[in-house]
Amino acid sequence: MRQMPDVPTLRAALWALLALRRIRRALPRGPVTDIRVGRPPALPPLAGRGVRAVLRRTDPTCLERALVLQAWAAAQGEARDVVIGVNGTGERFPAHAWLDGEEDGVHGPYRELLRVPAT
């Protein structure tokens, strides 16, 4: 039997949904460095389960995901940059964004192009 999430986890999930929606609206309108996600409510670190659950279920881009996680980390007292990297040159080249210090191994072949500092 699955246990219902606690109130802090639900609050974190709601914040993540709203933050993701704000990011999706802001990205086409201007530079990524101008996006302000909004601070999450004061919640314990374990409530981050709600943030991660929303990110697993909403299929965000790597940039959207990194910006949400950056704001969550900052609220937990951990200032981390979003890193945007590219692999290759020319008309078509893969790009990826991640949170500085992530250990997912996906960003290995990417060369850093831009950092979005934590605010």
PDB file of N, CA and C in Angstrom:
ATOM      1  N   MET A   1       0.838  -1.181   0.000  1.00  0.00           N
ATOM      2  CA  MET A   1       0.000   0.000   0.000  1.00  0.00           C
ATOM      3  C   MET A   1       0.887   1.250   0.000  1.00  0.00           C
ATOM      4  N   ARG A   2       0.563   2.173  -0.850  1.00  0.00           N
ATOM      5  CA  ARG A   2       1.357   3.391  -0.993  1.00  0.00           C
ATOM      6  C   ARG A   2       0.950   4.414   0.061  1.00  0.00           C
ATOM      7  N   GLN A   3       1.951   5.017   0.693  1.00  0.00           N
ATOM      8  CA  GLN A   3       1.697   6.015   1.725  1.00  0.00           C
ATOM      9  C   GLN A   3       1.511   7.392   1.088  1.00  0.00           C
ATOM     10  N   MET A   4       0.550   8.144   1.579  1.00  0.00           N
ATOM     11  CA  MET A   4       0.315   9.509   1.100  1.00  0.00           C
ATOM     12  C   MET A   4       1.491  10.398   1.507  1.00  0.00           C
ATOM     13  N   PRO A   5       1.881  11.318   0.635  1.00  0.00           N
ATOM     14  CA  PRO A   5       2.971  12.231   0.995  1.00  0.00           C
ATOM     15  C   PRO A   5       2.545  13.175   2.126  1.00  0.00           C
ATOM     16  N   ASP A   6       3.516  13.618   2.876  1.00  0.00           N
ATOM     17  CA  ASP A   6       3.224  14.549   3.964  1.00  0.00           C
ATOM     18  C   ASP A   6       2.994  15.953   3.407  1.00  0.00           C
ATOM     19  N   VAL A   7       2.524  16.849   4.255  1.00  0.00           N
ATOM     20  CA  VAL A   7       2.178  18.210   3.830  1.00  0.00           C
ATOM     21  C   VAL A   7       3.386  18.963   3.269  1.00  0.00           C
ATOM     22  N   PRO A   8       4.564  18.934   3.906  1.00  0.00           N
ATOM     23  CA  PRO A   8       5.702  19.651   3.315  1.00  0.00           C
ATOM     24  C   PRO A   8       6.063  19.142   1.909  1.00  0.00           C
ATOM     25  N   THR A   9       5.971  17.834   1.689  1.00  0.00           N
ATOM     26  CA  THR A   9       6.275  17.281   0.371  1.00  0.00           C
ATOM     27  C   THR A   9       5.259  17.760  -0.666  1.00  0.00           C
ATOM     28  N   LEU A  10       3.997  17.808  -0.274  1.00  0.00           N
ATOM     29  CA  LEU A  10       2.957  18.317  -1.176  1.00  0.00           C
ATOM     30  C   LEU A  10       3.157  19.797  -1.479  1.00  0.00           C
ATOM     31  N   ARG A  11       3.548  20.569  -0.466  1.00  0.00           N
ATOM     32  CA  ARG A  11       3.807  21.995  -0.694  1.00  0.00           C
ATOM     33  C   ARG A  11       4.982  22.190  -1.645  1.00  0.00           C
ATOM     34  N   ALA A  12       6.023  21.364  -1.482  1.00  0.00           N
ATOM     35  CA  ALA A  12       7.181  21.445  -2.372  1.00  0.00           C
ATOM     36  C   ALA A  12       6.781  21.069  -3.795  1.00  0.00           C
ATOM     37  N   ALA A  13       5.934  20.066  -3.931  1.00  0.00           N
ATOM     38  CA  ALA A  13       5.476  19.652  -5.263  1.00  0.00           C
ATOM     39  C   ALA A  13       4.667  20.765  -5.922  1.00  0.00           C
ATOM     40  N   LEU A  14       3.789  21.381  -5.175  1.00  0.00           N
ATOM     41  CA  LEU A  14       2.997  22.484  -5.722  1.00  0.00           C
ATOM     42  C   LEU A  14       3.902  23.635  -6.147  1.00  0.00           C
ATOM     43  N   TRP A  15       4.872  23.975  -5.301  1.00  0.00           N
ATOM     44  CA  TRP A  15       5.816  25.038  -5.671  1.00  0.00           C
ATOM     45  C   TRP A  15       6.532  24.673  -6.971  1.00  0.00           C
ATOM     46  N   ALA A  16       6.995  23.415  -7.085  1.00  0.00           N
ATOM     47  CA  ALA A  16       7.739  22.995  -8.273  1.00  0.00           C
ATOM     48  C   ALA A  16       6.869  23.105  -9.528  1.00  0.00           C
ATOM     49  N   LEU A  17       5.603  22.714  -9.422  1.00  0.00           N
ATOM     50  CA  LEU A  17       4.697  22.840 -10.571  1.00  0.00           C
ATOM     51  C   LEU A  17       4.550  24.295 -11.009  1.00  0.00           C
ATOM     52  N   LEU A  18       4.352  25.182 -10.040  1.00  0.00           N
ATOM     53  CA  LEU A  18       4.199  26.602 -10.354  1.00  0.00           C
ATOM     54  C   LEU A  18       5.492  27.195 -10.900  1.00  0.00           C
ATOM     55  N   ALA A  19       6.617  26.799 -10.311  1.00  0.00           N
ATOM     56  CA  ALA A  19       7.916  27.297 -10.780  1.00  0.00           C
ATOM     57  C   ALA A  19       8.179  26.842 -12.210  1.00  0.00           C
ATOM     58  N   LEU A  20       7.875  25.590 -12.493  1.00  0.00           N
ATOM     59  CA  LEU A  20       8.081  25.071 -13.846  1.00  0.00           C
ATOM     60  C   LEU A  20       7.207  25.821 -14.849  1.00  0.00           C
ATOM     61  N   ARG A  21       5.985  26.092 -14.478  1.00  0.00           N
ATOM     62  CA  ARG A  21       5.095  26.855 -15.369  1.00  0.00           C
ATOM     63  C   ARG A  21       5.634  28.267 -15.605  1.00  0.00           C
ATOM     64  N   ARG A  22       6.139  28.912 -14.553  1.00  0.00           N
ATOM     65  CA  ARG A  22       6.713  30.255 -14.672  1.00  0.00           C
ATOM     66  C   ARG A  22       7.933  30.241 -15.609  1.00  0.00           C
ATOM     67  N   ILE A  23       8.762  29.226 -15.460  1.00  0.00           N
ATOM     68  CA  ILE A  23       9.962  29.105 -16.290  1.00  0.00           C
ATOM     69  C   ILE A  23       9.576  28.899 -17.750  1.00  0.00           C
ATOM     70  N   ARG A  24       8.614  28.020 -17.991  1.00  0.00           N
ATOM     71  CA  ARG A  24       8.188  27.743 -19.368  1.00  0.00           C
ATOM     72  C   ARG A  24       7.630  28.979 -20.058  1.00  0.00           C
ATOM     73  N   ARG A  25       6.978  29.824 -19.295  1.00  0.00           N
ATOM     74  CA  ARG A  25       6.461  31.067 -19.870  1.00  0.00           C
ATOM     75  C   ARG A  25       7.578  32.077 -20.108  1.00  0.00           C
ATOM     76  N   ALA A  26       8.578  32.101 -19.251  1.00  0.00           N
ATOM     77  CA  ALA A  26       9.631  33.115 -19.322  1.00  0.00           C
ATOM     78  C   ALA A  26      10.707  32.799 -20.358  1.00  0.00           C
ATOM     79  N   LEU A  27      11.003  31.545 -20.590  1.00  0.00           N
ATOM     80  CA  LEU A  27      12.114  31.191 -21.477  1.00  0.00           C
ATOM     81  C   LEU A  27      11.996  31.782 -22.883  1.00  0.00           C
ATOM     82  N   PRO A  28      10.836  31.748 -23.531  1.00  0.00           N
ATOM     83  CA  PRO A  28      10.771  32.317 -24.880  1.00  0.00           C
ATOM     84  C   PRO A  28      10.830  33.840 -24.911  1.00  0.00           C
ATOM     85  N   ARG A  29      10.682  34.474 -23.767  1.00  0.00           N
ATOM     86  CA  ARG A  29      10.566  35.936 -23.732  1.00  0.00           C
ATOM     87  C   ARG A  29      11.871  36.682 -23.511  1.00  0.00           C
ATOM     88  N   GLY A  30      12.914  35.991 -23.119  1.00  0.00           N
ATOM     89  CA  GLY A  30      14.147  36.717 -22.866  1.00  0.00           C
ATOM     90  C   GLY A  30      15.273  35.796 -22.459  1.00  0.00           C
ATOM     91  N   PRO A  31      16.404  36.377 -22.108  1.00  0.00           N
ATOM     92  CA  PRO A  31      17.585  35.575 -21.763  1.00  0.00           C
ATOM     93  C   PRO A  31      17.359  34.756 -20.489  1.00  0.00           C
ATOM     94  N   VAL A  32      17.972  33.606 -20.470  1.00  0.00           N
ATOM     95  CA  VAL A  32      17.852  32.713 -19.319  1.00  0.00           C
ATOM     96  C   VAL A  32      18.381  33.383 -18.043  1.00  0.00           C
ATOM     97  N   THR A  33      19.335  34.270 -18.191  1.00  0.00           N
ATOM     98  CA  THR A  33      19.903  34.947 -17.024  1.00  0.00           C
ATOM     99  C   THR A  33      18.915  35.912 -16.371  1.00  0.00           C
ATOM    100  N   ASP A  34      17.837  36.257 -17.075  1.00  0.00           N
ATOM    101  CA  ASP A  34      16.830  37.164 -16.517  1.00  0.00           C
ATOM    102  C   ASP A  34      15.661  36.440 -15.837  1.00  0.00           C
ATOM    103  N   ILE A  35      15.629  35.134 -15.903  1.00  0.00           N
ATOM    104  CA  ILE A  35      14.508  34.382 -15.330  1.00  0.00           C
ATOM    105  C   ILE A  35      14.616  34.356 -13.811  1.00  0.00           C
ATOM    106  N   ARG A  36      13.522  34.691 -13.166  1.00  0.00           N
ATOM    107  CA  ARG A  36      13.432  34.633 -11.712  1.00  0.00           C
ATOM    108  C   ARG A  36      12.379  33.595 -11.362  1.00  0.00           C
ATOM    109  N   VAL A  37      12.811  32.514 -10.765  1.00  0.00           N
ATOM    110  CA  VAL A  37      11.937  31.380 -10.496  1.00  0.00           C
ATOM    111  C   VAL A  37      11.007  31.644  -9.322  1.00  0.00           C
ATOM    112  N   GLY A  38      11.487  32.310  -8.328  1.00  0.00           N
ATOM    113  CA  GLY A  38      10.703  32.498  -7.108  1.00  0.00           C
ATOM    114  C   GLY A  38      11.164  31.529  -6.050  1.00  0.00           C
ATOM    115  N   ARG A  39      11.231  32.014  -4.858  1.00  0.00           N
ATOM    116  CA  ARG A  39      11.743  31.215  -3.748  1.00  0.00           C
ATOM    117  C   ARG A  39      10.689  30.225  -3.261  1.00  0.00           C
ATOM    118  N   PRO A  40      11.095  28.988  -3.032  1.00  0.00           N
ATOM    119  CA  PRO A  40      10.158  28.021  -2.469  1.00  0.00           C
ATOM    120  C   PRO A  40       9.804  28.386  -1.026  1.00  0.00           C
ATOM    121  N   PRO A  41       8.701  27.857  -0.516  1.00  0.00           N
ATOM    122  CA  PRO A  41       8.384  28.092   0.886  1.00  0.00           C
ATOM    123  C   PRO A  41       9.442  27.439   1.773  1.00  0.00           C
ATOM    124  N   ALA A  42       9.545  27.911   2.990  1.00  0.00           N
ATOM    125  CA  ALA A  42      10.501  27.321   3.935  1.00  0.00           C
ATOM    126  C   ALA A  42      10.031  25.911   4.277  1.00  0.00           C
ATOM    127  N   LEU A  43      10.767  24.943   3.799  1.00  0.00           N
ATOM    128  CA  LEU A  43      10.405  23.541   3.995  1.00  0.00           C
ATOM    129  C   LEU A  43      11.663  22.741   4.331  1.00  0.00           C
ATOM    130  N   PRO A  44      11.504  21.605   4.998  1.00  0.00           N
ATOM    131  CA  PRO A  44      12.675  20.778   5.299  1.00  0.00           C
ATOM    132  C   PRO A  44      13.238  20.145   4.027  1.00  0.00           C
ATOM    133  N   PRO A  45      14.517  19.808   4.033  1.00  0.00           N
ATOM    134  CA  PRO A  45      15.143  19.222   2.844  1.00  0.00           C
ATOM    135  C   PRO A  45      14.426  17.975   2.316  1.00  0.00           C
ATOM    136  N   LEU A  46      13.861  17.157   3.203  1.00  0.00           N
ATOM    137  CA  LEU A  46      13.182  15.944   2.747  1.00  0.00           C
ATOM    138  C   LEU A  46      11.969  16.237   1.866  1.00  0.00           C
ATOM    139  N   ALA A  47      11.424  17.430   1.963  1.00  0.00           N
ATOM    140  CA  ALA A  47      10.289  17.799   1.116  1.00  0.00           C
ATOM    141  C   ALA A  47      10.702  17.876  -0.350  1.00  0.00           C
ATOM    142  N   GLY A  48      11.989  17.899  -0.605  1.00  0.00           N
ATOM    143  CA  GLY A  48      12.495  17.883  -1.969  1.00  0.00           C
ATOM    144  C   GLY A  48      12.017  16.672  -2.758  1.00  0.00           C
ATOM    145  N   ARG A  49      11.514  15.658  -2.052  1.00  0.00           N
ATOM    146  CA  ARG A  49      10.923  14.502  -2.748  1.00  0.00           C
ATOM    147  C   ARG A  49       9.789  14.960  -3.651  1.00  0.00           C
ATOM    148  N   GLY A  50       9.031  15.943  -3.188  1.00  0.00           N
ATOM    149  CA  GLY A  50       7.928  16.467  -3.993  1.00  0.00           C
ATOM    150  C   GLY A  50       8.432  17.169  -5.235  1.00  0.00           C
ATOM    151  N   VAL A  51       9.518  17.911  -5.096  1.00  0.00           N
ATOM    152  CA  VAL A  51      10.117  18.603  -6.248  1.00  0.00           C
ATOM    153  C   VAL A  51      10.589  17.576  -7.269  1.00  0.00           C
ATOM    154  N   ARG A  52      11.309  16.577  -6.809  1.00  0.00           N
ATOM    155  CA  ARG A  52      11.829  15.549  -7.715  1.00  0.00           C
ATOM    156  C   ARG A  52      10.699  14.755  -8.380  1.00  0.00           C
ATOM    157  N   ALA A  53       9.626  14.496  -7.631  1.00  0.00           N
ATOM    158  CA  ALA A  53       8.484  13.768  -8.199  1.00  0.00           C
ATOM    159  C   ALA A  53       7.848  14.570  -9.339  1.00  0.00           C
ATOM    160  N   VAL A  54       7.686  15.864  -9.129  1.00  0.00           N
ATOM    161  CA  VAL A  54       7.118  16.705 -10.188  1.00  0.00           C
ATOM    162  C   VAL A  54       8.034  16.701 -11.403  1.00  0.00           C
ATOM    163  N   LEU A  55       9.324  16.803 -11.196  1.00  0.00           N
ATOM    164  CA  LEU A  55      10.258  16.835 -12.323  1.00  0.00           C
ATOM    165  C   LEU A  55      10.280  15.503 -13.071  1.00  0.00           C
ATOM    166  N   ARG A  56      10.072  14.402 -12.380  1.00  0.00           N
ATOM    167  CA  ARG A  56      10.007  13.097 -13.059  1.00  0.00           C
ATOM    168  C   ARG A  56       8.749  12.965 -13.899  1.00  0.00           C
ATOM    169  N   ARG A  57       7.661  13.575 -13.471  1.00  0.00           N
ATOM    170  CA  ARG A  57       6.367  13.359 -14.112  1.00  0.00           C
ATOM    171  C   ARG A  57       5.970  14.414 -15.152  1.00  0.00           C
ATOM    172  N   THR A  58       6.691  15.519 -15.239  1.00  0.00           N
ATOM    173  CA  THR A  58       6.278  16.608 -16.126  1.00  0.00           C
ATOM    174  C   THR A  58       7.154  16.754 -17.365  1.00  0.00           C
ATOM    175  N   ASP A  59       8.154  15.939 -17.513  1.00  0.00           N
ATOM    176  CA  ASP A  59       9.018  15.947 -18.685  1.00  0.00           C
ATOM    177  C   ASP A  59       9.603  17.335 -18.997  1.00  0.00           C
ATOM    178  N   PRO A  60      10.282  17.958 -18.020  1.00  0.00           N
ATOM    179  CA  PRO A  60      10.888  19.266 -18.304  1.00  0.00           C
ATOM    180  C   PRO A  60      12.127  19.105 -19.184  1.00  0.00           C
ATOM    181  N   THR A  61      12.488  20.184 -19.845  1.00  0.00           N
ATOM    182  CA  THR A  61      13.770  20.190 -20.551  1.00  0.00           C
ATOM    183  C   THR A  61      14.868  20.200 -19.495  1.00  0.00           C
ATOM    184  N   CYS A  62      16.077  19.935 -19.909  1.00  0.00           N
ATOM    185  CA  CYS A  62      17.187  19.939 -18.961  1.00  0.00           C
ATOM    186  C   CYS A  62      17.370  21.331 -18.341  1.00  0.00           C
ATOM    187  N   LEU A  63      17.126  22.378 -19.114  1.00  0.00           N
ATOM    188  CA  LEU A  63      17.257  23.740 -18.597  1.00  0.00           C
ATOM    189  C   LEU A  63      16.162  24.043 -17.585  1.00  0.00           C
ATOM    190  N   GLU A  64      14.935  23.674 -17.893  1.00  0.00           N
ATOM    191  CA  GLU A  64      13.830  23.888 -16.953  1.00  0.00           C
ATOM    192  C   GLU A  64      14.101  23.152 -15.644  1.00  0.00           C
ATOM    193  N   ARG A  65      14.536  21.914 -15.762  1.00  0.00           N
ATOM    194  CA  ARG A  65      14.836  21.094 -14.585  1.00  0.00           C
ATOM    195  C   ARG A  65      15.939  21.747 -13.740  1.00  0.00           C
ATOM    196  N   ALA A  66      16.992  22.179 -14.389  1.00  0.00           N
ATOM    197  CA  ALA A  66      18.118  22.772 -13.672  1.00  0.00           C
ATOM    198  C   ALA A  66      17.707  24.060 -12.953  1.00  0.00           C
ATOM    199  N   LEU A  67      16.868  24.871 -13.578  1.00  0.00           N
ATOM    200  CA  LEU A  67      16.432  26.121 -12.945  1.00  0.00           C
ATOM    201  C   LEU A  67      15.550  25.860 -11.724  1.00  0.00           C
ATOM    202  N   VAL A  68      14.669  24.870 -11.812  1.00  0.00           N
ATOM    203  CA  VAL A  68      13.844  24.509 -10.647  1.00  0.00           C
ATOM    204  C   VAL A  68      14.740  24.005  -9.518  1.00  0.00           C
ATOM    205  N   LEU A  69      15.657  23.103  -9.834  1.00  0.00           N
ATOM    206  CA  LEU A  69      16.542  22.558  -8.805  1.00  0.00           C
ATOM    207  C   LEU A  69      17.467  23.618  -8.212  1.00  0.00           C
ATOM    208  N   GLN A  70      17.867  24.581  -9.021  1.00  0.00           N
ATOM    209  CA  GLN A  70      18.708  25.668  -8.520  1.00  0.00           C
ATOM    210  C   GLN A  70      17.968  26.463  -7.447  1.00  0.00           C
ATOM    211  N   ALA A  71      16.711  26.808  -7.720  1.00  0.00           N
ATOM    212  CA  ALA A  71      15.929  27.567  -6.747  1.00  0.00           C
ATOM    213  C   ALA A  71      15.688  26.758  -5.482  1.00  0.00           C
ATOM    214  N   TRP A  72      15.411  25.463  -5.636  1.00  0.00           N
ATOM    215  CA  TRP A  72      15.199  24.611  -4.463  1.00  0.00           C
ATOM    216  C   TRP A  72      16.482  24.531  -3.629  1.00  0.00           C
ATOM    217  N   ALA A  73      17.613  24.315  -4.286  1.00  0.00           N
ATOM    218  CA  ALA A  73      18.894  24.223  -3.576  1.00  0.00           C
ATOM    219  C   ALA A  73      19.206  25.523  -2.838  1.00  0.00           C
ATOM    220  N   ALA A  74      18.947  26.663  -3.474  1.00  0.00           N
ATOM    221  CA  ALA A  74      19.206  27.957  -2.831  1.00  0.00           C
ATOM    222  C   ALA A  74      18.366  28.112  -1.569  1.00  0.00           C
ATOM    223  N   ALA A  75      17.120  27.661  -1.617  1.00  0.00           N
ATOM    224  CA  ALA A  75      16.247  27.752  -0.443  1.00  0.00           C
ATOM    225  C   ALA A  75      16.726  26.846   0.682  1.00  0.00           C
ATOM    226  N   GLN A  76      17.497  25.836   0.332  1.00  0.00           N
ATOM    227  CA  GLN A  76      18.054  24.923   1.333  1.00  0.00           C
ATOM    228  C   GLN A  76      19.442  25.379   1.792  1.00  0.00           C
ATOM    229  N   GLY A  77      19.850  26.578   1.350  1.00  0.00           N
ATOM    230  CA  GLY A  77      21.138  27.135   1.766  1.00  0.00           C
ATOM    231  C   GLY A  77      22.311  26.686   0.923  1.00  0.00           C
ATOM    232  N   GLU A  78      22.039  26.176  -0.261  1.00  0.00           N
ATOM    233  CA  GLU A  78      23.094  25.660  -1.127  1.00  0.00           C
ATOM    234  C   GLU A  78      23.062  26.392  -2.469  1.00  0.00           C
ATOM    235  N   ALA A  79      23.865  27.431  -2.605  1.00  0.00           N
ATOM    236  CA  ALA A  79      23.908  28.218  -3.842  1.00  0.00           C
ATOM    237  C   ALA A  79      24.680  27.438  -4.900  1.00  0.00           C
ATOM    238  N   ARG A  80      23.994  27.076  -5.991  1.00  0.00           N
ATOM    239  CA  ARG A  80      24.627  26.320  -7.081  1.00  0.00           C
ATOM    240  C   ARG A  80      24.265  26.954  -8.412  1.00  0.00           C
ATOM    241  N   ASP A  81      25.235  27.023  -9.295  1.00  0.00           N
ATOM    242  CA  ASP A  81      25.025  27.595 -10.617  1.00  0.00           C
ATOM    243  C   ASP A  81      24.369  26.582 -11.553  1.00  0.00           C
ATOM    244  N   VAL A  82      23.613  27.102 -12.505  1.00  0.00           N
ATOM    245  CA  VAL A  82      23.156  26.298 -13.629  1.00  0.00           C
ATOM    246  C   VAL A  82      24.227  26.441 -14.695  1.00  0.00           C
ATOM    247  N   VAL A  83      24.648  25.329 -15.244  1.00  0.00           N
ATOM    248  CA  VAL A  83      25.684  25.318 -16.279  1.00  0.00           C
ATOM    249  C   VAL A  83      25.038  24.891 -17.595  1.00  0.00           C
ATOM    250  N   ILE A  84      25.318  25.639 -18.636  1.00  0.00           N
ATOM    251  CA  ILE A  84      24.835  25.293 -19.975  1.00  0.00           C
ATOM    252  C   ILE A  84      26.062  24.979 -20.813  1.00  0.00           C
ATOM    253  N   GLY A  85      26.036  23.810 -21.428  1.00  0.00           N
ATOM    254  CA  GLY A  85      27.178  23.379 -22.220  1.00  0.00           C
ATOM    255  C   GLY A  85      26.768  22.926 -23.600  1.00  0.00           C
ATOM    256  N   VAL A  86      27.727  22.880 -24.498  1.00  0.00           N
ATOM    257  CA  VAL A  86      27.492  22.422 -25.866  1.00  0.00           C
ATOM    258  C   VAL A  86      28.518  21.354 -26.208  1.00  0.00           C
ATOM    259  N   ASN A  87      28.185  20.570 -27.225  1.00  0.00           N
ATOM    260  CA  ASN A  87      29.090  19.538 -27.705  1.00  0.00           C
ATOM    261  C   ASN A  87      29.154  19.675 -29.220  1.00  0.00           C
ATOM    262  N   GLY A  88      30.215  20.260 -29.709  1.00  0.00           N
ATOM    263  CA  GLY A  88      30.373  20.435 -31.144  1.00  0.00           C
ATOM    264  C   GLY A  88      30.173  21.876 -31.562  1.00  0.00           C
ATOM    265  N   THR A  89      30.239  22.083 -32.859  1.00  0.00           N
ATOM    266  CA  THR A  89      30.065  23.417 -33.430  1.00  0.00           C
ATOM    267  C   THR A  89      29.260  23.290 -34.714  1.00  0.00           C
ATOM    268  N   GLY A  90      28.990  24.402 -35.331  1.00  0.00           N
ATOM    269  CA  GLY A  90      28.267  24.390 -36.593  1.00  0.00           C
ATOM    270  C   GLY A  90      26.798  24.710 -36.407  1.00  0.00           C
ATOM    271  N   GLU A  91      26.020  24.414 -37.446  1.00  0.00           N
ATOM    272  CA  GLU A  91      24.599  24.730 -37.408  1.00  0.00           C
ATOM    273  C   GLU A  91      23.839  23.896 -36.381  1.00  0.00           C
ATOM    274  N   ARG A  92      24.171  22.641 -36.297  1.00  0.00           N
ATOM    275  CA  ARG A  92      23.474  21.746 -35.369  1.00  0.00           C
ATOM    276  C   ARG A  92      24.487  21.189 -34.383  1.00  0.00           C
ATOM    277  N   PHE A  93      24.177  21.365 -33.122  1.00  0.00           N
ATOM    278  CA  PHE A  93      25.049  20.816 -32.098  1.00  0.00           C
ATOM    279  C   PHE A  93      24.215  20.553 -30.848  1.00  0.00           C
ATOM    280  N   PRO A  94      24.510  19.497 -30.129  1.00  0.00           N
ATOM    281  CA  PRO A  94      23.760  19.210 -28.910  1.00  0.00           C
ATOM    282  C   PRO A  94      24.141  20.174 -27.791  1.00  0.00           C
ATOM    283  N   ALA A  95      23.154  20.507 -27.002  1.00  0.00           N
ATOM    284  CA  ALA A  95      23.369  21.358 -25.826  1.00  0.00           C
ATOM    285  C   ALA A  95      22.718  20.673 -24.633  1.00  0.00           C
ATOM    286  N   HIS A  96      23.189  21.005 -23.450  1.00  0.00           N
ATOM    287  CA  HIS A  96      22.662  20.408 -22.226  1.00  0.00           C
ATOM    288  C   HIS A  96      22.839  21.405 -21.089  1.00  0.00           C
ATOM    289  N   ALA A  97      21.913  21.376 -20.136  1.00  0.00           N
ATOM    290  CA  ALA A  97      22.011  22.219 -18.937  1.00  0.00           C
ATOM    291  C   ALA A  97      21.924  21.322 -17.714  1.00  0.00           C
ATOM    292  N   TRP A  98      22.667  21.693 -16.685  1.00  0.00           N
ATOM    293  CA  TRP A  98      22.663  20.914 -15.457  1.00  0.00           C
ATOM    294  C   TRP A  98      22.992  21.813 -14.292  1.00  0.00           C
ATOM    295  N   LEU A  99      22.774  21.318 -13.115  1.00  0.00           N
ATOM    296  CA  LEU A  99      23.093  22.039 -11.891  1.00  0.00           C
ATOM    297  C   LEU A  99      24.524  21.710 -11.506  1.00  0.00           C
ATOM    298  N   ASP A 100      25.326  22.727 -11.289  1.00  0.00           N
ATOM    299  CA  ASP A 100      26.733  22.528 -10.945  1.00  0.00           C
ATOM    300  C   ASP A 100      26.840  21.572  -9.760  1.00  0.00           C
ATOM    301  N   GLY A 101      27.662  20.566  -9.926  1.00  0.00           N
ATOM    302  CA  GLY A 101      27.869  19.593  -8.856  1.00  0.00           C
ATOM    303  C   GLY A 101      27.018  18.345  -8.984  1.00  0.00           C
ATOM    304  N   GLU A 102      26.105  18.313  -9.955  1.00  0.00           N
ATOM    305  CA  GLU A 102      25.311  17.101 -10.158  1.00  0.00           C
ATOM    306  C   GLU A 102      26.228  15.964 -10.578  1.00  0.00           C
ATOM    307  N   GLU A 103      25.924  14.816 -10.111  1.00  0.00           N
ATOM    308  CA  GLU A 103      26.755  13.651 -10.403  1.00  0.00           C
ATOM    309  C   GLU A 103      26.047  12.683 -11.331  1.00  0.00           C
ATOM    310  N   ASP A 104      25.284  13.186 -12.291  1.00  0.00           N
ATOM    311  CA  ASP A 104      24.524  12.284 -13.158  1.00  0.00           C
ATOM    312  C   ASP A 104      25.336  11.737 -14.328  1.00  0.00           C
ATOM    313  N   GLY A 105      26.507  12.280 -14.574  1.00  0.00           N
ATOM    314  CA  GLY A 105      27.368  11.787 -15.627  1.00  0.00           C
ATOM    315  C   GLY A 105      26.947  12.172 -17.037  1.00  0.00           C
ATOM    316  N   VAL A 106      25.809  12.845 -17.205  1.00  0.00           N
ATOM    317  CA  VAL A 106      25.302  13.188 -18.529  1.00  0.00           C
ATOM    318  C   VAL A 106      26.084  14.332 -19.143  1.00  0.00           C
ATOM    319  N   HIS A 107      26.608  15.219 -18.334  1.00  0.00           N
ATOM    320  CA  HIS A 107      27.232  16.421 -18.876  1.00  0.00           C
ATOM    321  C   HIS A 107      28.714  16.256 -19.197  1.00  0.00           C
ATOM    322  N   GLY A 108      29.234  15.051 -19.146  1.00  0.00           N
ATOM    323  CA  GLY A 108      30.643  14.816 -19.404  1.00  0.00           C
ATOM    324  C   GLY A 108      31.170  15.359 -20.715  1.00  0.00           C
ATOM    325  N   PRO A 109      30.511  15.083 -21.867  1.00  0.00           N
ATOM    326  CA  PRO A 109      31.090  15.517 -23.136  1.00  0.00           C
ATOM    327  C   PRO A 109      30.804  16.974 -23.494  1.00  0.00           C
ATOM    328  N   TYR A 110      30.121  17.702 -22.637  1.00  0.00           N
ATOM    329  CA  TYR A 110      29.720  19.072 -22.981  1.00  0.00           C
ATOM    330  C   TYR A 110      30.743  20.081 -22.476  1.00  0.00           C
ATOM    331  N   ARG A 111      31.003  21.061 -23.321  1.00  0.00           N
ATOM    332  CA  ARG A 111      31.913  22.144 -22.973  1.00  0.00           C
ATOM    333  C   ARG A 111      31.079  23.305 -22.446  1.00  0.00           C
ATOM    334  N   GLU A 112      31.452  23.817 -21.301  1.00  0.00           N
ATOM    335  CA  GLU A 112      30.695  24.898 -20.674  1.00  0.00           C
ATOM    336  C   GLU A 112      30.654  26.130 -21.556  1.00  0.00           C
ATOM    337  N   LEU A 113      29.454  26.644 -21.746  1.00  0.00           N
ATOM    338  CA  LEU A 113      29.233  27.824 -22.567  1.00  0.00           C
ATOM    339  C   LEU A 113      28.784  29.006 -21.709  1.00  0.00           C
ATOM    340  N   LEU A 114      27.928  28.735 -20.719  1.00  0.00           N
ATOM    341  CA  LEU A 114      27.339  29.789 -19.903  1.00  0.00           C
ATOM    342  C   LEU A 114      27.008  29.253 -18.529  1.00  0.00           C
ATOM    343  N   ARG A 115      27.121  30.156 -17.539  1.00  0.00           N
ATOM    344  CA  ARG A 115      26.697  29.843 -16.172  1.00  0.00           C
ATOM    345  C   ARG A 115      25.624  30.824 -15.770  1.00  0.00           C
ATOM    346  N   VAL A 116      24.599  30.303 -15.128  1.00  0.00           N
ATOM    347  CA  VAL A 116      23.555  31.139 -14.556  1.00  0.00           C
ATOM    348  C   VAL A 116      23.770  31.084 -13.054  1.00  0.00           C
ATOM    349  N   PRO A 117      24.317  32.150 -12.482  1.00  0.00           N
ATOM    350  CA  PRO A 117      24.641  32.110 -11.054  1.00  0.00           C
ATOM    351  C   PRO A 117      23.389  32.025 -10.186  1.00  0.00           C
ATOM    352  N   ALA A 118      23.565  31.377  -9.059  1.00  0.00           N
ATOM    353  CA  ALA A 118      22.490  31.310  -8.066  1.00  0.00           C
ATOM    354  C   ALA A 118      22.255  32.722  -7.527  1.00  0.00           C
ATOM    355  N   THR A 119      20.990  33.030  -7.288  1.00  0.00           N
ATOM    356  CA  THR A 119      20.671  34.361  -6.770  1.00  0.00           C
ATOM    357  C   THR A 119      20.255  34.287  -5.331  1.00  0.00           C
TER     358      THR A 119
END
